[in-house]
Amino acid sequence: MFIISHKTRYANYDKTQTDLREAALNWIGEKLDFSKSGGLIAMNAVRFGSTRQEKVNEIIHLKCDWFIDDLLETFLEPGFPLETRKILFGSDLETPPGDIKVCATWDEIGRSIFSK
């Protein structure tokens, strides 16, 4: 399991220049407990790119079977791998384009992935 984000390092209008990637890693570490060997995800399984295309390139590189995102644009990005199954999280789209499944909750995502 990986977390792949296209979070920029610094916000354009933040005068304090907070490192957003470091803040994200801290938040993820608190929620998923990087410190324990039994944690849900290892710190080195969190990846960042500066653009959606870099994010897609990482999905290709890691050969992801499934990818969950809250932005439809990620799935529409040129080169998004056809073999990766897509789940659009939390969208109010009733009819997503192509082979994109919409799930409103993490429980619904779990059922979609593990019920097959």
PDB file of N, CA and C in Angstrom:
ATOM      1  N   MET A   1       0.854  -1.175   0.000  1.00  0.00           N
ATOM      2  CA  MET A   1       0.000   0.000   0.000  1.00  0.00           C
ATOM      3  C   MET A   1       0.897   1.233   0.000  1.00  0.00           C
ATOM      4  N   PHE A   2       0.515   2.208  -0.804  1.00  0.00           N
ATOM      5  CA  PHE A   2       1.251   3.465  -0.910  1.00  0.00           C
ATOM      6  C   PHE A   2       0.288   4.637  -0.806  1.00  0.00           C
ATOM      7  N   ILE A   3       0.794   5.753  -0.373  1.00  0.00           N
ATOM      8  CA  ILE A   3       0.085   7.027  -0.468  1.00  0.00           C
ATOM      9  C   ILE A   3       0.880   7.850  -1.457  1.00  0.00           C
ATOM     10  N   ILE A   4       0.209   8.297  -2.521  1.00  0.00           N
ATOM     11  CA  ILE A   4       0.864   9.086  -3.554  1.00  0.00           C
ATOM     12  C   ILE A   4       0.099  10.393  -3.678  1.00  0.00           C
ATOM     13  N   SER A   5       0.792  11.494  -3.430  1.00  0.00           N
ATOM     14  CA  SER A   5       0.165  12.808  -3.408  1.00  0.00           C
ATOM     15  C   SER A   5       0.895  13.749  -4.350  1.00  0.00           C
ATOM     16  N   HIS A   6       0.150  14.701  -4.905  1.00  0.00           N
ATOM     17  CA  HIS A   6       0.828  15.744  -5.680  1.00  0.00           C
ATOM     18  C   HIS A   6       0.803  17.069  -4.916  1.00  0.00           C
ATOM     19  N   LYS A   7       1.084  16.939  -3.640  1.00  0.00           N
ATOM     20  CA  LYS A   7       1.152  18.107  -2.762  1.00  0.00           C
ATOM     21  C   LYS A   7       2.438  18.895  -3.021  1.00  0.00           C
ATOM     22  N   THR A   8       2.283  20.184  -3.223  1.00  0.00           N
ATOM     23  CA  THR A   8       3.463  21.032  -3.381  1.00  0.00           C
ATOM     24  C   THR A   8       4.179  21.146  -2.038  1.00  0.00           C
ATOM     25  N   ARG A   9       5.436  21.494  -2.079  1.00  0.00           N
ATOM     26  CA  ARG A   9       6.200  21.598  -0.834  1.00  0.00           C
ATOM     27  C   ARG A   9       5.782  22.836  -0.041  1.00  0.00           C
ATOM     28  N   TYR A  10       5.577  23.969  -0.708  1.00  0.00           N
ATOM     29  CA  TYR A  10       5.226  25.219  -0.022  1.00  0.00           C
ATOM     30  C   TYR A  10       4.031  25.869  -0.710  1.00  0.00           C
ATOM     31  N   ALA A  11       3.117  26.422   0.083  1.00  0.00           N
ATOM     32  CA  ALA A  11       1.979  27.150  -0.471  1.00  0.00           C
ATOM     33  C   ALA A  11       2.454  28.493  -1.026  1.00  0.00           C
ATOM     34  N   ASN A  12       1.842  28.908  -2.103  1.00  0.00           N
ATOM     35  CA  ASN A  12       2.246  30.161  -2.763  1.00  0.00           C
ATOM     36  C   ASN A  12       2.120  31.388  -1.873  1.00  0.00           C
ATOM     37  N   TYR A  13       1.122  31.431  -1.021  1.00  0.00           N
ATOM     38  CA  TYR A  13       0.845  32.643  -0.254  1.00  0.00           C
ATOM     39  C   TYR A  13       1.148  32.507   1.233  1.00  0.00           C
ATOM     40  N   ASP A  14       1.879  31.478   1.605  1.00  0.00           N
ATOM     41  CA  ASP A  14       2.221  31.264   3.008  1.00  0.00           C
ATOM     42  C   ASP A  14       3.541  31.972   3.316  1.00  0.00           C
ATOM     43  N   LYS A  15       3.458  33.065   4.041  1.00  0.00           N
ATOM     44  CA  LYS A  15       4.665  33.834   4.374  1.00  0.00           C
ATOM     45  C   LYS A  15       5.609  33.066   5.286  1.00  0.00           C
ATOM     46  N   THR A  16       5.085  32.089   6.042  1.00  0.00           N
ATOM     47  CA  THR A  16       5.933  31.315   6.958  1.00  0.00           C
ATOM     48  C   THR A  16       6.669  30.182   6.248  1.00  0.00           C
ATOM     49  N   GLN A  17       6.288  29.889   5.007  1.00  0.00           N
ATOM     50  CA  GLN A  17       6.906  28.822   4.218  1.00  0.00           C
ATOM     51  C   GLN A  17       6.883  27.472   4.947  1.00  0.00           C
ATOM     52  N   THR A  18       5.715  27.124   5.452  1.00  0.00           N
ATOM     53  CA  THR A  18       5.524  25.822   6.076  1.00  0.00           C
ATOM     54  C   THR A  18       5.730  24.728   5.037  1.00  0.00           C
ATOM     55  N   ASP A  19       6.514  23.722   5.371  1.00  0.00           N
ATOM     56  CA  ASP A  19       6.734  22.593   4.469  1.00  0.00           C
ATOM     57  C   ASP A  19       5.490  21.698   4.534  1.00  0.00           C
ATOM     58  N   LEU A  20       4.671  21.754   3.500  1.00  0.00           N
ATOM     59  CA  LEU A  20       3.402  21.024   3.493  1.00  0.00           C
ATOM     60  C   LEU A  20       3.606  19.512   3.428  1.00  0.00           C
ATOM     61  N   ARG A  21       4.673  19.085   2.788  1.00  0.00           N
ATOM     62  CA  ARG A  21       4.946  17.645   2.726  1.00  0.00           C
ATOM     63  C   ARG A  21       5.350  17.114   4.100  1.00  0.00           C
ATOM     64  N   GLU A  22       6.159  17.868   4.804  1.00  0.00           N
ATOM     65  CA  GLU A  22       6.542  17.469   6.163  1.00  0.00           C
ATOM     66  C   GLU A  22       5.315  17.444   7.071  1.00  0.00           C
ATOM     67  N   ALA A  23       4.459  18.448   6.932  1.00  0.00           N
ATOM     68  CA  ALA A  23       3.229  18.490   7.732  1.00  0.00           C
ATOM     69  C   ALA A  23       2.341  17.294   7.409  1.00  0.00           C
ATOM     70  N   ALA A  24       2.244  16.937   6.133  1.00  0.00           N
ATOM     71  CA  ALA A  24       1.437  15.783   5.732  1.00  0.00           C
ATOM     72  C   ALA A  24       2.019  14.494   6.310  1.00  0.00           C
ATOM     73  N   LEU A  25       3.339  14.346   6.241  1.00  0.00           N
ATOM     74  CA  LEU A  25       3.979  13.152   6.812  1.00  0.00           C
ATOM     75  C   LEU A  25       3.733  13.051   8.314  1.00  0.00           C
ATOM     76  N   ASN A  26       3.805  14.185   9.004  1.00  0.00           N
ATOM     77  CA  ASN A  26       3.540  14.189  10.446  1.00  0.00           C
ATOM     78  C   ASN A  26       2.109  13.757  10.739  1.00  0.00           C
ATOM     79  N   TRP A  27       1.160  14.297   9.967  1.00  0.00           N
ATOM     80  CA  TRP A  27      -0.258  13.958  10.163  1.00  0.00           C
ATOM     81  C   TRP A  27      -0.487  12.478   9.875  1.00  0.00           C
ATOM     82  N   ILE A  28       0.048  11.990   8.758  1.00  0.00           N
ATOM     83  CA  ILE A  28      -0.117  10.582   8.400  1.00  0.00           C
ATOM     84  C   ILE A  28       0.526   9.695   9.461  1.00  0.00           C
ATOM     85  N   GLY A  29       1.708  10.083   9.925  1.00  0.00           N
ATOM     86  CA  GLY A  29       2.393   9.309  10.959  1.00  0.00           C
ATOM     87  C   GLY A  29       1.595   9.210  12.242  1.00  0.00           C
ATOM     88  N   GLU A  30       0.925  10.300  12.620  1.00  0.00           N
ATOM     89  CA  GLU A  30       0.082  10.281  13.814  1.00  0.00           C
ATOM     90  C   GLU A  30      -1.117   9.364  13.620  1.00  0.00           C
ATOM     91  N   LYS A  31      -1.730   9.414  12.436  1.00  0.00           N
ATOM     92  CA  LYS A  31      -2.950   8.636  12.186  1.00  0.00           C
ATOM     93  C   LYS A  31      -2.665   7.161  11.924  1.00  0.00           C
ATOM     94  N   LEU A  32      -1.547   6.861  11.241  1.00  0.00           N
ATOM     95  CA  LEU A  32      -1.269   5.486  10.834  1.00  0.00           C
ATOM     96  C   LEU A  32      -0.093   4.859  11.571  1.00  0.00           C
ATOM     97  N   ASP A  33       0.543   5.624  12.438  1.00  0.00           N
ATOM     98  CA  ASP A  33       1.585   5.144  13.343  1.00  0.00           C
ATOM     99  C   ASP A  33       2.791   4.535  12.632  1.00  0.00           C
ATOM    100  N   PHE A  34       3.612   5.396  12.025  1.00  0.00           N
ATOM    101  CA  PHE A  34       4.859   4.971  11.394  1.00  0.00           C
ATOM    102  C   PHE A  34       5.799   4.288  12.381  1.00  0.00           C
ATOM    103  N   SER A  35       5.705   4.633  13.655  1.00  0.00           N
ATOM    104  CA  SER A  35       6.705   4.195  14.628  1.00  0.00           C
ATOM    105  C   SER A  35       6.625   2.708  14.951  1.00  0.00           C
ATOM    106  N   LYS A  36       5.493   2.109  14.795  1.00  0.00           N
ATOM    107  CA  LYS A  36       5.328   0.698  15.151  1.00  0.00           C
ATOM    108  C   LYS A  36       5.545  -0.182  13.928  1.00  0.00           C
ATOM    109  N   SER A  37       6.163  -1.317  14.138  1.00  0.00           N
ATOM    110  CA  SER A  37       6.367  -2.242  13.028  1.00  0.00           C
ATOM    111  C   SER A  37       5.041  -2.762  12.490  1.00  0.00           C
ATOM    112  N   GLY A  38       4.010  -2.725  13.320  1.00  0.00           N
ATOM    113  CA  GLY A  38       2.689  -3.165  12.885  1.00  0.00           C
ATOM    114  C   GLY A  38       1.823  -2.037  12.366  1.00  0.00           C
ATOM    115  N   GLY A  39       2.423  -0.869  12.137  1.00  0.00           N
ATOM    116  CA  GLY A  39       1.663   0.268  11.607  1.00  0.00           C
ATOM    117  C   GLY A  39       1.074  -0.045  10.247  1.00  0.00           C
ATOM    118  N   LEU A  40       0.108   0.726   9.828  1.00  0.00           N
ATOM    119  CA  LEU A  40      -0.583   0.451   8.575  1.00  0.00           C
ATOM    120  C   LEU A  40       0.265   0.705   7.339  1.00  0.00           C
ATOM    121  N   ILE A  41       1.229   1.603   7.446  1.00  0.00           N
ATOM    122  CA  ILE A  41       2.031   1.954   6.274  1.00  0.00           C
ATOM    123  C   ILE A  41       3.404   2.438   6.734  1.00  0.00           C
ATOM    124  N   ALA A  42       4.418   2.147   5.957  1.00  0.00           N
ATOM    125  CA  ALA A  42       5.771   2.611   6.268  1.00  0.00           C
ATOM    126  C   ALA A  42       5.957   4.030   5.741  1.00  0.00           C
ATOM    127  N   MET A  43       6.796   4.794   6.406  1.00  0.00           N
ATOM    128  CA  MET A  43       7.032   6.176   5.990  1.00  0.00           C
ATOM    129  C   MET A  43       7.537   6.235   4.543  1.00  0.00           C
ATOM    130  N   ASN A  44       8.361   5.267   4.128  1.00  0.00           N
ATOM    131  CA  ASN A  44       8.891   5.309   2.764  1.00  0.00           C
ATOM    132  C   ASN A  44       7.857   4.889   1.718  1.00  0.00           C
ATOM    133  N   ALA A  45       6.655   4.548   2.156  1.00  0.00           N
ATOM    134  CA  ALA A  45       5.570   4.235   1.228  1.00  0.00           C
ATOM    135  C   ALA A  45       4.708   5.457   0.934  1.00  0.00           C
ATOM    136  N   VAL A  46       5.092   6.606   1.464  1.00  0.00           N
ATOM    137  CA  VAL A  46       4.404   7.863   1.173  1.00  0.00           C
ATOM    138  C   VAL A  46       5.243   8.607   0.145  1.00  0.00           C
ATOM    139  N   ARG A  47       4.646   8.898  -0.993  1.00  0.00           N
ATOM    140  CA  ARG A  47       5.366   9.528  -2.101  1.00  0.00           C
ATOM    141  C   ARG A  47       4.707  10.850  -2.458  1.00  0.00           C
ATOM    142  N   PHE A  48       5.523  11.807  -2.865  1.00  0.00           N
ATOM    143  CA  PHE A  48       5.010  13.117  -3.281  1.00  0.00           C
ATOM    144  C   PHE A  48       5.524  13.454  -4.668  1.00  0.00           C
ATOM    145  N   GLY A  49       4.691  14.126  -5.419  1.00  0.00           N
ATOM    146  CA  GLY A  49       5.088  14.696  -6.697  1.00  0.00           C
ATOM    147  C   GLY A  49       4.599  16.129  -6.730  1.00  0.00           C
ATOM    148  N   SER A  50       5.205  16.941  -7.547  1.00  0.00           N
ATOM    149  CA  SER A  50       4.805  18.350  -7.610  1.00  0.00           C
ATOM    150  C   SER A  50       3.646  18.590  -8.571  1.00  0.00           C
ATOM    151  N   THR A  51       3.357  17.614  -9.434  1.00  0.00           N
ATOM    152  CA  THR A  51       2.277  17.762 -10.416  1.00  0.00           C
ATOM    153  C   THR A  51       1.449  16.488 -10.461  1.00  0.00           C
ATOM    154  N   ARG A  52       0.279  16.574 -11.083  1.00  0.00           N
ATOM    155  CA  ARG A  52      -0.528  15.369 -11.274  1.00  0.00           C
ATOM    156  C   ARG A  52       0.213  14.373 -12.163  1.00  0.00           C
ATOM    157  N   GLN A  53       0.947  14.877 -13.169  1.00  0.00           N
ATOM    158  CA  GLN A  53       1.673  13.963 -14.052  1.00  0.00           C
ATOM    159  C   GLN A  53       2.747  13.204 -13.282  1.00  0.00           C
ATOM    160  N   GLU A  54       3.434  13.861 -12.351  1.00  0.00           N
ATOM    161  CA  GLU A  54       4.412  13.151 -11.521  1.00  0.00           C
ATOM    162  C   GLU A  54       3.716  12.093 -10.668  1.00  0.00           C
ATOM    163  N   LYS A  55       2.524  12.407 -10.189  1.00  0.00           N
ATOM    164  CA  LYS A  55       1.738  11.452  -9.412  1.00  0.00           C
ATOM    165  C   LYS A  55       1.398  10.234 -10.283  1.00  0.00           C
ATOM    166  N   VAL A  56       0.936  10.482 -11.504  1.00  0.00           N
ATOM    167  CA  VAL A  56       0.607   9.399 -12.429  1.00  0.00           C
ATOM    168  C   VAL A  56       1.852   8.571 -12.747  1.00  0.00           C
ATOM    169  N   ASN A  57       2.977   9.224 -12.946  1.00  0.00           N
ATOM    170  CA  ASN A  57       4.220   8.498 -13.215  1.00  0.00           C
ATOM    171  C   ASN A  57       4.581   7.560 -12.059  1.00  0.00           C
ATOM    172  N   GLU A  58       4.324   7.993 -10.831  1.00  0.00           N
ATOM    173  CA  GLU A  58       4.593   7.144  -9.657  1.00  0.00           C
ATOM    174  C   GLU A  58       3.623   5.961  -9.619  1.00  0.00           C
ATOM    175  N   ILE A  59       2.367   6.186  -9.979  1.00  0.00           N
ATOM    176  CA  ILE A  59       1.374   5.104 -10.045  1.00  0.00           C
ATOM    177  C   ILE A  59       1.829   4.061 -11.067  1.00  0.00           C
ATOM    178  N   ILE A  60       2.343   4.536 -12.206  1.00  0.00           N
ATOM    179  CA  ILE A  60       2.854   3.634 -13.239  1.00  0.00           C
ATOM    180  C   ILE A  60       4.071   2.877 -12.703  1.00  0.00           C
ATOM    181  N   HIS A  61       5.004   3.597 -12.111  1.00  0.00           N
ATOM    182  CA  HIS A  61       6.236   2.997 -11.598  1.00  0.00           C
ATOM    183  C   HIS A  61       5.946   1.901 -10.560  1.00  0.00           C
ATOM    184  N   LEU A  62       4.973   2.162  -9.692  1.00  0.00           N
ATOM    185  CA  LEU A  62       4.640   1.211  -8.619  1.00  0.00           C
ATOM    186  C   LEU A  62       3.688   0.110  -9.086  1.00  0.00           C
ATOM    187  N   LYS A  63       3.174   0.235 -10.302  1.00  0.00           N
ATOM    188  CA  LYS A  63       2.252  -0.758 -10.869  1.00  0.00           C
ATOM    189  C   LYS A  63       1.047  -0.987  -9.955  1.00  0.00           C
ATOM    190  N   CYS A  64       0.423   0.102  -9.554  1.00  0.00           N
ATOM    191  CA  CYS A  64      -0.719   0.017  -8.634  1.00  0.00           C
ATOM    192  C   CYS A  64      -1.885  -0.736  -9.267  1.00  0.00           C
ATOM    193  N   ASP A  65      -2.452  -1.680  -8.517  1.00  0.00           N
ATOM    194  CA  ASP A  65      -3.647  -2.397  -8.967  1.00  0.00           C
ATOM    195  C   ASP A  65      -4.879  -1.508  -8.858  1.00  0.00           C
ATOM    196  N   TRP A  66      -4.959  -0.764  -7.762  1.00  0.00           N
ATOM    197  CA  TRP A  66      -6.069   0.140  -7.481  1.00  0.00           C
ATOM    198  C   TRP A  66      -5.497   1.510  -7.177  1.00  0.00           C
ATOM    199  N   PHE A  67      -6.253   2.559  -7.489  1.00  0.00           N
ATOM    200  CA  PHE A  67      -5.867   3.883  -7.042  1.00  0.00           C
ATOM    201  C   PHE A  67      -7.124   4.633  -6.628  1.00  0.00           C
ATOM    202  N   ILE A  68      -7.057   5.238  -5.466  1.00  0.00           N
ATOM    203  CA  ILE A  68      -8.184   5.995  -4.901  1.00  0.00           C
ATOM    204  C   ILE A  68      -7.768   7.450  -4.866  1.00  0.00           C
ATOM    205  N   ASP A  69      -8.630   8.324  -5.387  1.00  0.00           N
ATOM    206  CA  ASP A  69      -8.328   9.752  -5.376  1.00  0.00           C
ATOM    207  C   ASP A  69      -9.629  10.519  -5.228  1.00  0.00           C
ATOM    208  N   ASP A  70      -9.521  11.734  -4.716  1.00  0.00           N
ATOM    209  CA  ASP A  70     -10.710  12.581  -4.599  1.00  0.00           C
ATOM    210  C   ASP A  70     -10.803  13.585  -5.746  1.00  0.00           C
ATOM    211  N   LEU A  71      -9.866  13.512  -6.685  1.00  0.00           N
ATOM    212  CA  LEU A  71      -9.886  14.408  -7.839  1.00  0.00           C
ATOM    213  C   LEU A  71     -10.079  13.608  -9.124  1.00  0.00           C
ATOM    214  N   LEU A  72     -11.178  13.845  -9.812  1.00  0.00           N
ATOM    215  CA  LEU A  72     -11.441  13.189 -11.087  1.00  0.00           C
ATOM    216  C   LEU A  72     -10.306  13.449 -12.073  1.00  0.00           C
ATOM    217  N   GLU A  73      -9.725  14.646 -12.011  1.00  0.00           N
ATOM    218  CA  GLU A  73      -8.661  15.029 -12.950  1.00  0.00           C
ATOM    219  C   GLU A  73      -7.472  14.071 -12.920  1.00  0.00           C
ATOM    220  N   THR A  74      -7.204  13.465 -11.768  1.00  0.00           N
ATOM    221  CA  THR A  74      -6.090  12.517 -11.679  1.00  0.00           C
ATOM    222  C   THR A  74      -6.300  11.361 -12.649  1.00  0.00           C
ATOM    223  N   PHE A  75      -7.515  10.832 -12.697  1.00  0.00           N
ATOM    224  CA  PHE A  75      -7.810   9.696 -13.564  1.00  0.00           C
ATOM    225  C   PHE A  75      -7.842  10.087 -15.043  1.00  0.00           C
ATOM    226  N   LEU A  76      -8.090  11.364 -15.316  1.00  0.00           N
ATOM    227  CA  LEU A  76      -8.165  11.855 -16.686  1.00  0.00           C
ATOM    228  C   LEU A  76      -6.813  12.347 -17.198  1.00  0.00           C
ATOM    229  N   GLU A  77      -5.812  12.345 -16.326  1.00  0.00           N
ATOM    230  CA  GLU A  77      -4.467  12.804 -16.693  1.00  0.00           C
ATOM    231  C   GLU A  77      -3.913  11.896 -17.805  1.00  0.00           C
ATOM    232  N   PRO A  78      -3.326  12.484 -18.844  1.00  0.00           N
ATOM    233  CA  PRO A  78      -2.742  11.658 -19.912  1.00  0.00           C
ATOM    234  C   PRO A  78      -1.755  10.642 -19.356  1.00  0.00           C
ATOM    235  N   GLY A  79      -1.884   9.419 -19.827  1.00  0.00           N
ATOM    236  CA  GLY A  79      -0.971   8.368 -19.404  1.00  0.00           C
ATOM    237  C   GLY A  79      -1.400   7.607 -18.166  1.00  0.00           C
ATOM    238  N   PHE A  80      -2.548   7.989 -17.544  1.00  0.00           N
ATOM    239  CA  PHE A  80      -2.979   7.216 -16.375  1.00  0.00           C
ATOM    240  C   PHE A  80      -3.125   5.771 -16.829  1.00  0.00           C
ATOM    241  N   PRO A  81      -2.531   4.823 -16.099  1.00  0.00           N
ATOM    242  CA  PRO A  81      -2.490   3.439 -16.575  1.00  0.00           C
ATOM    243  C   PRO A  81      -3.880   2.800 -16.691  1.00  0.00           C
ATOM    244  N   LEU A  82      -4.146   2.235 -17.850  1.00  0.00           N
ATOM    245  CA  LEU A  82      -5.446   1.624 -18.122  1.00  0.00           C
ATOM    246  C   LEU A  82      -5.719   0.434 -17.210  1.00  0.00           C
ATOM    247  N   GLU A  83      -4.656  -0.283 -16.818  1.00  0.00           N
ATOM    248  CA  GLU A  83      -4.839  -1.490 -16.011  1.00  0.00           C
ATOM    249  C   GLU A  83      -5.088  -1.190 -14.529  1.00  0.00           C
ATOM    250  N   THR A  84      -4.858   0.036 -14.095  1.00  0.00           N
ATOM    251  CA  THR A  84      -5.109   0.411 -12.703  1.00  0.00           C
ATOM    252  C   THR A  84      -6.598   0.703 -12.525  1.00  0.00           C
ATOM    253  N   ARG A  85      -7.221   0.008 -11.587  1.00  0.00           N
ATOM    254  CA  ARG A  85      -8.646   0.248 -11.312  1.00  0.00           C
ATOM    255  C   ARG A  85      -8.783   1.534 -10.504  1.00  0.00           C
ATOM    256  N   LYS A  86      -9.824   2.296 -10.816  1.00  0.00           N
ATOM    257  CA  LYS A  86      -9.961   3.654 -10.308  1.00  0.00           C
ATOM    258  C   LYS A  86     -11.170   3.787  -9.388  1.00  0.00           C
ATOM    259  N   ILE A  87     -10.938   4.424  -8.233  1.00  0.00           N
ATOM    260  CA  ILE A  87     -12.040   4.756  -7.332  1.00  0.00           C
ATOM    261  C   ILE A  87     -11.967   6.246  -7.045  1.00  0.00           C
ATOM    262  N   LEU A  88     -13.053   6.935  -7.366  1.00  0.00           N
ATOM    263  CA  LEU A  88     -13.183   8.357  -7.066  1.00  0.00           C
ATOM    264  C   LEU A  88     -13.863   8.468  -5.714  1.00  0.00           C
ATOM    265  N   PHE A  89     -13.157   9.038  -4.761  1.00  0.00           N
ATOM    266  CA  PHE A  89     -13.627   9.081  -3.372  1.00  0.00           C
ATOM    267  C   PHE A  89     -14.406  10.359  -3.084  1.00  0.00           C
ATOM    268  N   GLY A  90     -15.579  10.188  -2.471  1.00  0.00           N
ATOM    269  CA  GLY A  90     -16.325  11.314  -1.933  1.00  0.00           C
ATOM    270  C   GLY A  90     -16.956  12.235  -2.954  1.00  0.00           C
ATOM    271  N   SER A  91     -17.090  11.787  -4.175  1.00  0.00           N
ATOM    272  CA  SER A  91     -17.636  12.650  -5.221  1.00  0.00           C
ATOM    273  C   SER A  91     -19.158  12.592  -5.229  1.00  0.00           C
ATOM    274  N   ASP A  92     -19.761  13.652  -5.733  1.00  0.00           N
ATOM    275  CA  ASP A  92     -21.211  13.642  -5.906  1.00  0.00           C
ATOM    276  C   ASP A  92     -21.574  13.325  -7.358  1.00  0.00           C
ATOM    277  N   LEU A  93     -20.596  12.879  -8.147  1.00  0.00           N
ATOM    278  CA  LEU A  93     -20.873  12.467  -9.517  1.00  0.00           C
ATOM    279  C   LEU A  93     -21.760  11.233  -9.502  1.00  0.00           C
ATOM    280  N   GLU A  94     -22.857  11.276 -10.225  1.00  0.00           N
ATOM    281  CA  GLU A  94     -23.710  10.094 -10.298  1.00  0.00           C
ATOM    282  C   GLU A  94     -23.219   9.134 -11.367  1.00  0.00           C
ATOM    283  N   THR A  95     -22.711   9.680 -12.458  1.00  0.00           N
ATOM    284  CA  THR A  95     -22.226   8.856 -13.555  1.00  0.00           C
ATOM    285  C   THR A  95     -20.821   9.296 -13.927  1.00  0.00           C
ATOM    286  N   PRO A  96     -19.812   8.665 -13.347  1.00  0.00           N
ATOM    287  CA  PRO A  96     -18.437   9.037 -13.685  1.00  0.00           C
ATOM    288  C   PRO A  96     -18.083   8.535 -15.086  1.00  0.00           C
ATOM    289  N   PRO A  97     -17.127   9.173 -15.717  1.00  0.00           N
ATOM    290  CA  PRO A  97     -16.735   8.726 -17.047  1.00  0.00           C
ATOM    291  C   PRO A  97     -15.960   7.410 -17.006  1.00  0.00           C
ATOM    292  N   GLY A  98     -16.130   6.611 -18.066  1.00  0.00           N
ATOM    293  CA  GLY A  98     -15.320   5.407 -18.237  1.00  0.00           C
ATOM    294  C   GLY A  98     -15.472   4.388 -17.136  1.00  0.00           C
ATOM    295  N   ASP A  99     -14.349   3.853 -16.700  1.00  0.00           N
ATOM    296  CA  ASP A  99     -14.331   2.748 -15.735  1.00  0.00           C
ATOM    297  C   ASP A  99     -14.039   3.217 -14.316  1.00  0.00           C
ATOM    298  N   ILE A 100     -14.458   4.415 -13.996  1.00  0.00           N
ATOM    299  CA  ILE A 100     -14.213   4.976 -12.666  1.00  0.00           C
ATOM    300  C   ILE A 100     -15.399   4.656 -11.760  1.00  0.00           C
ATOM    301  N   LYS A 101     -15.106   4.061 -10.618  1.00  0.00           N
ATOM    302  CA  LYS A 101     -16.146   3.773  -9.624  1.00  0.00           C
ATOM    303  C   LYS A 101     -16.143   4.890  -8.596  1.00  0.00           C
ATOM    304  N   VAL A 102     -17.332   5.335  -8.201  1.00  0.00           N
ATOM    305  CA  VAL A 102     -17.454   6.366  -7.180  1.00  0.00           C
ATOM    306  C   VAL A 102     -17.828   5.709  -5.857  1.00  0.00           C
ATOM    307  N   CYS A 103     -17.095   6.054  -4.795  1.00  0.00           N
ATOM    308  CA  CYS A 103     -17.396   5.567  -3.447  1.00  0.00           C
ATOM    309  C   CYS A 103     -17.447   6.766  -2.505  1.00  0.00           C
ATOM    310  N   ALA A 104     -18.453   6.789  -1.659  1.00  0.00           N
ATOM    311  CA  ALA A 104     -18.642   7.918  -0.754  1.00  0.00           C
ATOM    312  C   ALA A 104     -17.967   7.732   0.596  1.00  0.00           C
ATOM    313  N   THR A 105     -17.640   6.479   0.947  1.00  0.00           N
ATOM    314  CA  THR A 105     -17.045   6.213   2.263  1.00  0.00           C
ATOM    315  C   THR A 105     -15.905   5.205   2.123  1.00  0.00           C
ATOM    316  N   TRP A 106     -15.056   5.152   3.170  1.00  0.00           N
ATOM    317  CA  TRP A 106     -13.982   4.161   3.181  1.00  0.00           C
ATOM    318  C   TRP A 106     -14.534   2.750   3.308  1.00  0.00           C
ATOM    319  N   ASP A 107     -15.663   2.577   3.999  1.00  0.00           N
ATOM    320  CA  ASP A 107     -16.285   1.253   4.080  1.00  0.00           C
ATOM    321  C   ASP A 107     -16.709   0.778   2.696  1.00  0.00           C
ATOM    322  N   GLU A 108     -17.271   1.677   1.918  1.00  0.00           N
ATOM    323  CA  GLU A 108     -17.691   1.336   0.563  1.00  0.00           C
ATOM    324  C   GLU A 108     -16.472   0.976  -0.315  1.00  0.00           C
ATOM    325  N   ILE A 109     -15.384   1.697  -0.121  1.00  0.00           N
ATOM    326  CA  ILE A 109     -14.145   1.395  -0.855  1.00  0.00           C
ATOM    327  C   ILE A 109     -13.670  -0.015  -0.481  1.00  0.00           C
ATOM    328  N   GLY A 110     -13.659  -0.313   0.815  1.00  0.00           N
ATOM    329  CA  GLY A 110     -13.239  -1.642   1.275  1.00  0.00           C
ATOM    330  C   GLY A 110     -14.077  -2.736   0.659  1.00  0.00           C
ATOM    331  N   ARG A 111     -15.381  -2.551   0.624  1.00  0.00           N
ATOM    332  CA  ARG A 111     -16.266  -3.552   0.017  1.00  0.00           C
ATOM    333  C   ARG A 111     -15.988  -3.709  -1.469  1.00  0.00           C
ATOM    334  N   SER A 112     -15.717  -2.590  -2.144  1.00  0.00           N
ATOM    335  CA  SER A 112     -15.447  -2.637  -3.579  1.00  0.00           C
ATOM    336  C   SER A 112     -14.167  -3.407  -3.895  1.00  0.00           C
ATOM    337  N   ILE A 113     -13.160  -3.193  -3.089  1.00  0.00           N
ATOM    338  CA  ILE A 113     -11.859  -3.812  -3.356  1.00  0.00           C
ATOM    339  C   ILE A 113     -11.821  -5.272  -2.882  1.00  0.00           C
ATOM    340  N   PHE A 114     -12.334  -5.545  -1.703  1.00  0.00           N
ATOM    341  CA  PHE A 114     -12.150  -6.849  -1.094  1.00  0.00           C
ATOM    342  C   PHE A 114     -13.303  -7.820  -1.281  1.00  0.00           C
ATOM    343  N   SER A 115     -14.375  -7.418  -1.921  1.00  0.00           N
ATOM    344  CA  SER A 115     -15.508  -8.319  -2.084  1.00  0.00           C
ATOM    345  C   SER A 115     -15.391  -9.191  -3.324  1.00  0.00           C
ATOM    346  N   LYS A 116     -14.318  -9.053  -4.067  1.00  0.00           N
ATOM    347  CA  LYS A 116     -14.173  -9.834  -5.312  1.00  0.00           C
ATOM    348  C   LYS A 116     -13.326 -11.043  -5.107  1.00  0.00           C
TER     349      LYS A 116
END
